[in-house]
C-alpha atoms as a PDB file:
ATOM      1  CA  UNK A   1      86.391 -56.468  93.148  1.00  0.00           C
ATOM      2  CA  UNK A   2      85.843 -55.508  89.507  1.00  0.00           C
ATOM      3  CA  UNK A   3      82.158 -54.930  88.503  1.00  0.00           C
ATOM      4  CA  UNK A   4      80.396 -54.708  85.151  1.00  0.00           C
ATOM      5  CA  UNK A   5      80.165 -51.120  83.830  1.00  0.00           C
ATOM      6  CA  UNK A   6      76.993 -50.100  82.048  1.00  0.00           C
ATOM      7  CA  UNK A   7      76.240 -47.339  79.765  1.00  0.00           C
ATOM      8  CA  UNK A   8      73.957 -45.961  77.154  1.00  0.00           C
ATOM      9  CA  UNK A   9      71.072 -44.830  79.096  1.00  0.00           C
ATOM     10  CA  UNK A  10      69.302 -41.553  78.990  1.00  0.00           C
ATOM     11  CA  UNK A  11      65.984 -39.520  78.594  1.00  0.00           C
ATOM     12  CA  UNK A  12      63.761 -40.716  75.641  1.00  0.00           C
ATOM     13  CA  UNK A  13      60.380 -40.143  74.647  1.00  0.00           C
ATOM     14  CA  UNK A  14      57.638 -42.914  74.593  1.00  0.00           C
ATOM     15  CA  UNK A  15      58.206 -45.087  71.333  1.00  0.00           C
ATOM     16  CA  UNK A  16      61.940 -44.301  71.292  1.00  0.00           C
ATOM     17  CA  UNK A  17      64.976 -46.514  71.344  1.00  0.00           C
ATOM     18  CA  UNK A  18      68.096 -46.836  73.145  1.00  0.00           C
ATOM     19  CA  UNK A  19      71.097 -49.180  73.256  1.00  0.00           C
ATOM     20  CA  UNK A  20      72.634 -50.113  76.229  1.00  0.00           C
ATOM     21  CA  UNK A  21      76.112 -51.597  76.633  1.00  0.00           C
ATOM     22  CA  UNK A  22      77.899 -53.392  79.499  1.00  0.00           C
ATOM     23  CA  UNK A  23      81.692 -53.776  79.422  1.00  0.00           C
ATOM     24  CA  UNK A  24      82.984 -56.816  81.588  1.00  0.00           C
ATOM     25  CA  UNK A  25      86.389 -55.824  83.109  1.00  0.00           C
ATOM     26  CA  UNK A  26      89.155 -58.217  83.899  1.00  0.00           C
ATOM     27  CA  UNK A  27      90.235 -61.665  82.420  1.00  0.00           C
ATOM     28  CA  UNK A  28      86.700 -62.886  82.185  1.00  0.00           C
ATOM     29  CA  UNK A  29      85.445 -64.845  79.154  1.00  0.00           C
ATOM     30  CA  UNK A  30      81.801 -63.884  78.789  1.00  0.00           C
ATOM     31  CA  UNK A  31      81.214 -66.722  76.383  1.00  0.00           C
ATOM     32  CA  UNK A  32      81.494 -68.995  79.501  1.00  0.00           C
ATOM     33  CA  UNK A  33      78.777 -67.205  81.182  1.00  0.00           C
ATOM     34  CA  UNK A  34      74.910 -67.013  80.700  1.00  0.00           C
ATOM     35  CA  UNK A  35      74.706 -63.267  80.829  1.00  0.00           C
ATOM     36  CA  UNK A  36      71.638 -61.135  81.656  1.00  0.00           C
ATOM     37  CA  UNK A  37      70.329 -57.455  81.763  1.00  0.00           C
ATOM     38  CA  UNK A  38      68.393 -56.594  84.931  1.00  0.00           C
ATOM     39  CA  UNK A  39      66.501 -53.409  85.807  1.00  0.00           C
ATOM     40  CA  UNK A  40      65.164 -51.814  89.090  1.00  0.00           C
ATOM     41  CA  UNK A  41      62.367 -49.351  88.978  1.00  0.00           C
ATOM     42  CA  UNK A  42      61.963 -46.831  91.864  1.00  0.00           C
ATOM     43  CA  UNK A  43      60.449 -48.567  94.804  1.00  0.00           C
ATOM     44  CA  UNK A  44      60.626 -52.017  93.174  1.00  0.00           C
ATOM     45  CA  UNK A  45      62.793 -55.071  93.281  1.00  0.00           C
ATOM     46  CA  UNK A  46      65.250 -55.640  90.611  1.00  0.00           C
ATOM     47  CA  UNK A  47      64.048 -57.878  87.938  1.00  0.00           C
ATOM     48  CA  UNK A  48      65.604 -59.845  85.109  1.00  0.00           C
ATOM     49  CA  UNK A  49      64.897 -58.367  81.718  1.00  0.00           C
ATOM     50  CA  UNK A  50      66.723 -60.617  79.318  1.00  0.00           C
ATOM     51  CA  UNK A  51      69.226 -63.357  79.070  1.00  0.00           C
ATOM     52  CA  UNK A  52      71.560 -64.831  76.649  1.00  0.00           C
ATOM     53  CA  UNK A  53      73.258 -68.357  76.917  1.00  0.00           C
ATOM     54  CA  UNK A  54      76.681 -69.409  75.474  1.00  0.00           C
ATOM     55  CA  UNK A  55      74.811 -70.910  72.504  1.00  0.00           C
ATOM     56  CA  UNK A  56      73.223 -67.293  71.889  1.00  0.00           C
ATOM     57  CA  UNK A  57      69.786 -68.675  72.994  1.00  0.00           C
ATOM     58  CA  UNK A  58      67.705 -65.714  74.361  1.00  0.00           C
ATOM     59  CA  UNK A  59      65.068 -65.204  76.799  1.00  0.00           C
ATOM     60  CA  UNK A  60      63.026 -62.164  77.763  1.00  0.00           C
ATOM     61  CA  UNK A  61      60.456 -60.907  80.357  1.00  0.00           C
ATOM     62  CA  UNK A  62      56.898 -61.095  79.276  1.00  0.00           C
ATOM     63  CA  UNK A  63      56.933 -57.402  79.352  1.00  0.00           C
ATOM     64  CA  UNK A  64      59.730 -56.518  76.872  1.00  0.00           C
ATOM     65  CA  UNK A  65      59.497 -59.528  74.667  1.00  0.00           C
ATOM     66  CA  UNK A  66      59.344 -58.325  70.998  1.00  0.00           C
ATOM     67  CA  UNK A  67      60.662 -54.685  71.926  1.00  0.00           C
ATOM     68  CA  UNK A  68      64.189 -55.486  73.331  1.00  0.00           C
ATOM     69  CA  UNK A  69      67.047 -57.535  71.967  1.00  0.00           C
ATOM     70  CA  UNK A  70      70.037 -58.807  73.908  1.00  0.00           C
ATOM     71  CA  UNK A  71      73.355 -59.565  72.021  1.00  0.00           C
ATOM     72  CA  UNK A  72      76.913 -59.900  72.967  1.00  0.00           C
ATOM     73  CA  UNK A  73      80.422 -59.290  71.432  1.00  0.00           C
ATOM     74  CA  UNK A  74      82.669 -61.755  73.043  1.00  0.00           C
ATOM     75  CA  UNK A  75      85.836 -60.097  71.331  1.00  0.00           C
ATOM     76  CA  UNK A  76      84.806 -56.832  72.928  1.00  0.00           C
ATOM     77  CA  UNK A  77      83.557 -58.433  76.143  1.00  0.00           C
ATOM     78  CA  UNK A  78      80.397 -56.386  75.747  1.00  0.00           C
ATOM     79  CA  UNK A  79      76.769 -57.376  76.385  1.00  0.00           C
ATOM     80  CA  UNK A  80      74.109 -55.133  74.728  1.00  0.00           C
ATOM     81  CA  UNK A  81      70.532 -54.405  74.925  1.00  0.00           C
ATOM     82  CA  UNK A  82      68.764 -52.886  71.930  1.00  0.00           C
ATOM     83  CA  UNK A  83      65.326 -51.410  73.336  1.00  0.00           C
ATOM     84  CA  UNK A  84      63.002 -50.360  70.865  1.00  0.00           C
ATOM     85  CA  UNK A  85      59.301 -49.172  71.503  1.00  0.00           C
ATOM     86  CA  UNK A  86      60.124 -47.751  75.004  1.00  0.00           C
ATOM     87  CA  UNK A  87      57.394 -47.248  77.272  1.00  0.00           C
ATOM     88  CA  UNK A  88      57.250 -45.141  80.557  1.00  0.00           C
ATOM     89  CA  UNK A  89      56.985 -48.323  82.360  1.00  0.00           C
ATOM     90  CA  UNK A  90      60.439 -49.091  81.162  1.00  0.00           C
ATOM     91  CA  UNK A  91      61.884 -46.458  83.170  1.00  0.00           C
ATOM     92  CA  UNK A  92      64.491 -47.886  85.624  1.00  0.00           C
ATOM     93  CA  UNK A  93      68.189 -48.221  86.215  1.00  0.00           C
ATOM     94  CA  UNK A  94      69.445 -51.177  84.026  1.00  0.00           C
ATOM     95  CA  UNK A  95      72.360 -53.528  85.358  1.00  0.00           C
ATOM     96  CA  UNK A  96      74.249 -56.361  83.632  1.00  0.00           C
ATOM     97  CA  UNK A  97      75.468 -59.341  85.476  1.00  0.00           C
ATOM     98  CA  UNK A  98      75.582 -63.232  84.988  1.00  0.00           C
ATOM     99  CA  UNK A  99      72.106 -65.079  85.497  1.00  0.00           C
ATOM    100  CA  UNK A 100      73.232 -66.154  88.827  1.00  0.00           C
ATOM    101  CA  UNK A 101      74.576 -62.683  89.851  1.00  0.00           C
ATOM    102  CA  UNK A 102      78.205 -63.879  90.277  1.00  0.00           C
ATOM    103  CA  UNK A 103      79.651 -60.363  90.243  1.00  0.00           C
ATOM    104  CA  UNK A 104      79.220 -57.289  92.424  1.00  0.00           C
ATOM    105  CA  UNK A 105      76.749 -54.899  90.880  1.00  0.00           C
ATOM    106  CA  UNK A 106      77.774 -52.164  89.267  1.00  0.00           C
ATOM    107  CA  UNK A 107      76.150 -48.531  89.304  1.00  0.00           C
ATOM    108  CA  UNK A 108      73.841 -49.356  86.210  1.00  0.00           C
ATOM    109  CA  UNK A 109      72.499 -46.996  83.793  1.00  0.00           C
ATOM    110  CA  UNK A 110      69.358 -44.934  84.108  1.00  0.00           C
ATOM    111  CA  UNK A 111      66.918 -45.101  81.537  1.00  0.00           C
ATOM    112  CA  UNK A 112      63.936 -42.607  81.602  1.00  0.00           C
ATOM    113  CA  UNK A 113      60.961 -42.795  79.228  1.00  0.00           C
ATOM    114  CA  UNK A 114      58.968 -39.684  79.403  1.00  0.00           C
ATOM    115  CA  UNK A 115      57.210 -37.083  77.339  1.00  0.00           C
END
């Protein structure tokens, strides 16, 4: 089974920015799905970070509101997460999936915020 492929993570200092990308393989029209970014910090459960509907309505976890922006390019079948004002608590592995986790989880992309 195919799974999303996330990229763009890395090590960044507090206050820095990163842009994550998620490519959805196969013949899947991401316009038909409510897409989402999740993250899982060490020792914690995976949590929903942001979502975007087919009408481009967005929702964010309270902890990232005003700092993160979710977007998509349907032609490229790619989901993005622009992360600004990063904080050490944002350190986690970031994943993308549908809002109902329809697909197998990918390997995610590691984001580490540290000075």
